[in-house]
N, C-alpha and C. Protein backbone atom coordinates (compact mmCIF):
# COMPACT_ATOMS: atom_id res chain seq x y z
N MET A 1 -10.03 82.42 51.03
CA MET A 1 -9.12 83.35 51.73
C MET A 1 -8.41 82.05 52.43
N PRO A 2 -6.67 82.28 52.66
CA PRO A 2 -5.98 81.16 53.03
C PRO A 2 -6.31 81.43 54.40
N GLU A 3 -5.76 80.19 55.28
CA GLU A 3 -5.89 80.01 56.53
C GLU A 3 -4.79 80.73 57.12
N ALA A 4 -3.79 81.13 56.58
CA ALA A 4 -2.45 81.78 57.16
C ALA A 4 -1.69 82.55 56.16
N ILE A 5 -1.05 83.87 56.47
CA ILE A 5 0.01 84.69 55.50
C ILE A 5 1.05 84.78 56.17
N ALA A 6 2.15 84.04 55.41
CA ALA A 6 3.60 84.36 56.19
C ALA A 6 4.23 85.09 55.42
N CYS A 7 5.01 86.38 56.18
CA CYS A 7 5.49 87.41 55.38
C CYS A 7 6.76 87.55 55.34
N ALA A 8 7.65 87.76 54.60
CA ALA A 8 8.74 87.92 54.72
C ALA A 8 9.80 88.75 55.75
N SER A 9 9.03 89.80 56.09
CA SER A 9 9.46 90.88 57.03
C SER A 9 8.33 91.04 57.78
N ASP A 10 8.34 91.80 59.47
CA ASP A 10 7.25 92.45 60.05
C ASP A 10 6.74 93.61 59.33
N SER A 11 7.40 94.21 58.61
CA SER A 11 6.64 95.66 58.03
C SER A 11 5.86 95.01 57.21
N THR A 12 6.04 93.94 56.08
CA THR A 12 5.00 93.50 55.29
C THR A 12 3.96 93.15 56.13
N ALA A 13 3.87 92.19 57.03
CA ALA A 13 3.13 91.38 57.78
C ALA A 13 2.17 92.85 58.35
N ILE A 14 2.96 93.70 59.36
CA ILE A 14 1.78 94.71 59.67
C ILE A 14 1.20 95.32 58.46
N GLY A 15 1.63 95.48 57.05
CA GLY A 15 0.97 95.92 56.30
C GLY A 15 -0.27 94.98 56.17
N VAL A 16 0.16 93.58 56.21
CA VAL A 16 -1.14 92.73 55.74
C VAL A 16 -2.21 92.82 56.75
N GLN A 17 -1.75 93.05 58.34
CA GLN A 17 -2.69 93.25 59.31
C GLN A 17 -3.88 94.40 58.67
N HIS A 18 -3.08 95.35 58.48
CA HIS A 18 -3.84 96.93 58.43
C HIS A 18 -4.89 96.36 57.21
N ALA A 19 -4.38 95.84 55.96
CA ALA A 19 -5.60 95.54 55.02
C ALA A 19 -6.35 94.57 55.46
N LEU A 20 -6.17 93.64 55.90
CA LEU A 20 -7.13 92.58 56.33
C LEU A 20 -8.24 93.21 57.38
N SER A 21 -7.40 93.77 58.24
CA SER A 21 -8.62 94.55 59.05
C SER A 21 -9.41 95.78 58.35
N ALA A 22 -8.89 96.36 57.55
CA ALA A 22 -9.42 97.21 56.67
C ALA A 22 -10.84 96.85 55.74
N GLU A 23 -10.66 95.62 55.63
CA GLU A 23 -11.40 94.43 54.63
C GLU A 23 -12.52 93.90 55.54
N GLY A 24 -12.37 94.38 57.27
CA GLY A 24 -13.00 93.30 58.11
C GLY A 24 -12.86 91.80 58.33
N ILE A 25 -11.95 91.74 58.08
CA ILE A 25 -11.31 90.42 57.86
C ILE A 25 -10.42 90.31 59.55
N GLN A 26 -10.72 89.37 60.62
CA GLN A 26 -9.83 89.39 61.77
C GLN A 26 -8.74 88.55 61.83
N VAL A 27 -7.56 89.11 62.34
CA VAL A 27 -6.47 88.36 62.90
C VAL A 27 -6.42 88.07 63.98
N PRO A 28 -6.54 86.89 64.34
CA PRO A 28 -5.98 85.58 63.71
C PRO A 28 -7.68 84.74 63.28
N SER A 29 -8.61 85.06 64.02
CA SER A 29 -10.08 84.20 63.80
C SER A 29 -10.07 83.98 62.39
N ASP A 30 -9.88 84.77 61.43
CA ASP A 30 -10.18 84.36 60.21
C ASP A 30 -9.13 84.29 59.42
N VAL A 31 -7.83 84.57 59.91
CA VAL A 31 -6.66 84.49 59.01
C VAL A 31 -5.36 84.71 59.96
N ALA A 32 -4.47 83.37 59.93
CA ALA A 32 -3.28 83.96 60.78
C ALA A 32 -2.27 84.75 60.24
N VAL A 33 -1.59 85.71 60.67
CA VAL A 33 -0.37 86.38 60.08
C VAL A 33 0.87 86.27 61.01
N THR A 34 1.84 85.98 60.21
CA THR A 34 3.16 85.82 60.82
C THR A 34 4.39 86.83 60.10
N GLY A 35 5.27 87.22 60.89
CA GLY A 35 6.10 88.25 60.20
C GLY A 35 7.92 87.24 60.18
N PHE A 36 8.98 88.36 60.05
CA PHE A 36 10.12 88.03 60.36
C PHE A 36 11.15 89.19 60.31
N ASP A 37 11.58 89.03 61.68
CA ASP A 37 12.77 89.96 61.99
C ASP A 37 12.24 90.17 63.58
N ASP A 38 10.98 90.41 64.13
CA ASP A 38 10.77 90.89 65.73
C ASP A 38 11.34 92.25 65.65
N ILE A 39 10.80 93.10 64.96
CA ILE A 39 11.10 94.47 65.04
C ILE A 39 10.15 94.81 66.47
N PRO A 40 10.78 96.17 67.22
CA PRO A 40 9.91 96.39 68.40
C PRO A 40 8.68 96.62 67.91
N LEU A 41 8.08 97.01 67.52
CA LEU A 41 6.73 97.34 67.03
C LEU A 41 5.98 96.10 66.89
N ALA A 42 6.42 94.91 66.62
CA ALA A 42 5.57 93.77 66.43
C ALA A 42 4.82 93.32 67.76
N ARG A 43 5.76 93.86 68.90
CA ARG A 43 5.13 93.33 70.34
C ARG A 43 4.20 94.03 70.75
N HIS A 44 3.78 95.29 70.13
CA HIS A 44 2.61 96.36 70.56
C HIS A 44 1.70 96.31 69.68
N LEU A 45 1.17 95.60 68.88
CA LEU A 45 0.34 95.36 67.71
C LEU A 45 -0.86 94.80 68.40
N THR A 46 -2.20 94.81 68.00
CA THR A 46 -2.99 94.12 68.66
C THR A 46 -3.82 93.64 67.17
N PRO A 47 -3.67 92.28 67.21
CA PRO A 47 -3.09 91.37 68.06
C PRO A 47 -1.52 91.53 67.81
N GLY A 48 -0.59 91.00 68.91
CA GLY A 48 0.48 91.28 69.05
C GLY A 48 1.22 90.14 67.92
N LEU A 49 2.29 90.40 66.90
CA LEU A 49 2.59 89.90 66.00
C LEU A 49 3.52 88.35 66.08
N THR A 50 2.95 87.38 65.57
CA THR A 50 3.89 86.22 65.74
C THR A 50 5.20 86.45 64.54
N THR A 51 6.28 86.19 65.11
CA THR A 51 7.33 86.46 64.32
C THR A 51 8.70 85.55 64.37
N VAL A 52 9.34 85.53 63.80
CA VAL A 52 10.70 85.01 63.99
C VAL A 52 11.99 86.21 64.18
N HIS A 53 12.56 85.87 65.20
CA HIS A 53 13.39 86.91 65.65
C HIS A 53 14.92 86.62 65.18
N GLN A 54 15.45 87.40 64.56
CA GLN A 54 17.07 87.05 64.00
C GLN A 54 17.48 88.70 64.68
N PRO A 55 18.96 88.12 64.88
CA PRO A 55 19.75 89.55 66.01
C PRO A 55 20.19 90.32 64.76
N ILE A 56 19.72 91.05 64.73
CA ILE A 56 19.72 92.47 63.74
C ILE A 56 20.96 92.86 63.92
N GLN A 57 21.50 93.44 65.05
CA GLN A 57 22.79 94.14 65.32
C GLN A 57 23.50 92.87 64.79
N ARG A 58 23.86 91.46 64.95
CA ARG A 58 24.93 90.84 64.98
C ARG A 58 24.84 90.57 63.29
N LEU A 59 23.84 90.52 62.57
CA LEU A 59 23.70 90.29 61.30
C LEU A 59 24.69 91.49 60.73
N GLY A 60 24.37 92.70 60.94
CA GLY A 60 25.05 94.18 60.76
C GLY A 60 26.00 94.25 60.98
N ARG A 61 26.79 93.94 61.89
CA ARG A 61 28.09 93.58 62.36
C ARG A 61 28.95 92.31 61.42
N VAL A 62 28.59 91.49 60.92
CA VAL A 62 28.83 90.16 60.35
C VAL A 62 28.96 90.68 58.58
N ALA A 63 27.76 91.25 58.32
CA ALA A 63 27.90 91.94 57.20
C ALA A 63 29.16 92.80 56.79
N VAL A 64 28.92 94.04 57.79
CA VAL A 64 30.34 94.77 57.53
C VAL A 64 31.53 94.10 57.70
N GLU A 65 31.71 93.40 58.46
CA GLU A 65 33.21 92.46 58.38
C GLU A 65 33.25 91.74 57.06
N ALA A 66 32.41 91.19 56.74
CA ALA A 66 32.42 90.62 55.54
C ALA A 66 33.11 91.59 54.32
N LEU A 67 32.18 92.51 54.35
CA LEU A 67 32.39 93.84 53.70
C LEU A 67 33.92 94.31 53.52
N LEU A 68 34.50 94.48 54.75
CA LEU A 68 35.66 94.92 55.19
C LEU A 68 36.90 93.87 54.53
N ALA A 69 36.52 92.55 54.73
CA ALA A 69 37.47 91.77 54.71
C ALA A 69 37.89 91.56 53.05
N ARG A 70 36.38 91.64 52.42
CA ARG A 70 36.49 91.85 50.68
C ARG A 70 37.43 93.05 50.28
N VAL A 71 37.08 93.90 50.98
CA VAL A 71 37.77 95.05 50.35
C VAL A 71 39.27 95.14 50.56
N LYS A 72 39.51 94.39 51.45
CA LYS A 72 41.10 94.35 52.01
C LYS A 72 41.41 93.14 51.26
N GLY A 73 41.07 92.32 50.39
CA GLY A 73 41.34 91.09 49.61
C GLY A 73 41.66 89.92 50.35
N VAL A 74 41.11 89.89 51.56
CA VAL A 74 40.65 88.84 52.93
C VAL A 74 39.78 87.90 52.17
N ALA A 75 39.95 86.20 51.75
CA ALA A 75 38.71 85.54 52.03
C ALA A 75 37.84 85.63 53.36
N CYS A 76 36.66 85.39 52.74
CA CYS A 76 35.64 85.51 53.92
C CYS A 76 34.48 84.45 53.34
N ALA A 77 33.60 83.87 54.66
CA ALA A 77 32.70 82.94 54.30
C ALA A 77 31.44 83.35 53.20
N ARG A 78 31.25 82.51 52.28
CA ARG A 78 30.48 82.83 51.41
C ARG A 78 29.03 82.72 51.84
N GLU A 79 28.52 81.81 52.94
CA GLU A 79 27.38 82.03 53.30
C GLU A 79 27.53 81.81 55.12
N VAL A 80 26.92 82.69 55.86
CA VAL A 80 26.37 82.82 57.43
C VAL A 80 25.33 82.51 57.64
N VAL A 81 25.16 81.54 58.63
CA VAL A 81 24.05 81.06 59.12
C VAL A 81 23.92 81.92 60.81
N LEU A 82 23.02 82.66 61.16
CA LEU A 82 22.81 83.04 62.40
C LEU A 82 21.63 82.32 63.15
N PRO A 83 21.54 82.46 64.36
CA PRO A 83 20.59 81.74 65.09
C PRO A 83 19.54 82.74 65.05
N THR A 84 18.12 82.02 64.71
CA THR A 84 16.90 82.72 64.78
C THR A 84 16.02 81.83 65.67
N ARG A 85 14.81 82.99 66.20
CA ARG A 85 14.03 82.07 67.10
C ARG A 85 12.65 82.40 67.28
N LEU A 86 11.70 81.48 67.01
CA LEU A 86 10.41 81.95 66.89
C LEU A 86 9.66 82.51 68.13
N VAL A 87 8.83 83.52 67.79
CA VAL A 87 8.50 84.29 68.94
C VAL A 87 7.15 84.32 68.92
N VAL A 88 6.12 83.47 69.46
CA VAL A 88 4.77 83.39 69.22
C VAL A 88 4.20 84.32 70.14
N ARG A 89 3.26 84.98 69.64
CA ARG A 89 2.23 85.90 69.88
C ARG A 89 0.83 85.78 69.27
N ALA A 90 -0.13 86.59 69.78
CA ALA A 90 -1.45 86.36 69.19
C ALA A 90 -2.20 86.25 67.64
N SER A 91 -0.97 86.88 66.78
CA SER A 91 -1.42 86.89 65.58
C SER A 91 -1.73 85.41 64.90
N CYS A 92 -1.14 84.39 65.35
CA CYS A 92 -0.90 83.02 64.78
C CYS A 92 -1.98 82.42 65.37
N GLY A 93 -2.52 82.71 66.39
CA GLY A 93 -3.94 81.78 66.78
C GLY A 93 -3.57 80.60 67.52
N CYS A 94 -2.64 80.78 67.89
CA CYS A 94 -2.19 79.48 68.59
C CYS A 94 -2.59 79.75 69.96
N GLU A 95 -2.83 78.26 70.45
CA GLU A 95 -3.23 77.83 71.64
C GLU A 95 -2.41 78.22 72.80
N PRO A 96 -2.57 78.65 74.04
CA PRO A 96 -1.42 78.90 75.09
C PRO A 96 -0.51 77.50 75.29
N GLY A 97 0.90 77.65 75.39
CA GLY A 97 1.16 76.48 75.61
C GLY A 97 1.73 75.80 74.24
N ALA A 98 1.38 76.22 73.10
CA ALA A 98 1.58 75.57 71.56
C ALA A 98 3.13 75.65 71.42
N LEU A 99 3.72 77.03 71.78
CA LEU A 99 5.26 76.70 71.79
C LEU A 99 6.00 75.43 72.65
N GLN A 100 5.55 75.22 73.85
CA GLN A 100 5.86 74.24 74.21
C GLN A 100 5.83 72.66 73.86
N ALA A 101 4.84 72.50 73.04
CA ALA A 101 4.60 71.67 72.33
C ALA A 101 5.45 71.37 71.04
N LEU A 102 6.26 72.39 70.67
CA LEU A 102 7.16 72.15 69.78
C LEU A 102 8.63 71.77 70.36
N SER A 103 8.43 71.65 71.55
CA SER A 103 10.01 71.51 72.57
C SER A 103 10.37 70.08 72.15
N SER A 104 9.73 69.33 71.57
CA SER A 104 10.49 68.06 70.96
C SER A 104 11.03 67.95 69.54
N TRP A 105 10.51 68.88 68.85
CA TRP A 105 11.08 69.17 67.70
C TRP A 105 12.30 69.86 67.39
N GLN A 106 13.25 69.73 66.48
CA GLN A 106 14.26 70.15 66.23
C GLN A 106 14.42 70.56 64.67
N SER A 107 14.99 71.80 64.27
CA SER A 107 15.19 71.87 62.85
C SER A 107 16.43 70.98 62.37
N GLU A 108 16.37 70.38 61.13
CA GLU A 108 17.62 69.64 60.66
C GLU A 108 17.72 70.23 59.24
N GLY A 109 18.54 70.96 58.76
CA GLY A 109 18.36 71.42 57.43
C GLY A 109 17.46 71.83 56.82
N GLY A 110 16.81 72.79 57.73
CA GLY A 110 15.48 73.31 57.04
C GLY A 110 14.44 72.90 57.51
N THR A 111 14.15 71.34 57.73
CA THR A 111 13.25 70.75 58.30
C THR A 111 12.43 70.51 59.75
N LEU A 112 11.72 71.06 59.85
CA LEU A 112 11.46 70.59 61.58
C LEU A 112 11.40 68.71 61.74
N VAL A 113 11.68 68.29 62.62
CA VAL A 113 12.18 66.66 62.84
C VAL A 113 11.84 66.21 64.11
N GLU A 114 10.96 65.47 64.33
CA GLU A 114 10.69 65.21 65.93
C GLU A 114 11.77 64.35 66.64
N GLN A 115 12.07 64.71 67.59
CA GLN A 115 13.34 64.26 68.00
C GLN A 115 12.53 63.05 69.47
N ARG A 116 13.08 62.20 69.09
CA ARG A 116 12.57 60.73 69.95
C ARG A 116 13.34 60.77 71.19
N ARG A 117 12.59 60.61 72.61
CA ARG A 117 13.64 60.52 73.43
C ARG A 117 13.53 59.53 74.66
C-alpha cells in the first residue's frame, strides 16, 4: 500500500477515497489522499480533501480569450501560468500548523526551495 495517493483532480481523489473506504482502508491514517482543483465538495468530505486550488473561472476566461484570439488570427501566448494555492485539509494527515512550516519554502521552476532569511 502506498503512503499517499496524489490525484490529478478532486473528482478522482473523491473516487479514490470512496474505494479505499469500501476496502476498510482509512484516510489518512492508512494512506493520505490529495486532489487538484478545490471543487466545493472537497471541503465537505470526511475527511476533508487536501487539494490544490486553481482559479477555475479565470482559467475559463483565459481559455476563451485565447480561442477568440486564434479565431481572429491574432497571436496569443502559447503558455499561460495561473496561480495555485495549497489547501491543507484532513485527508493528507498533516499535523496542525504544517502549512506554516512551509512558509520558508518557495517554488522555483516547479521545485520547492527553502528560502534563507
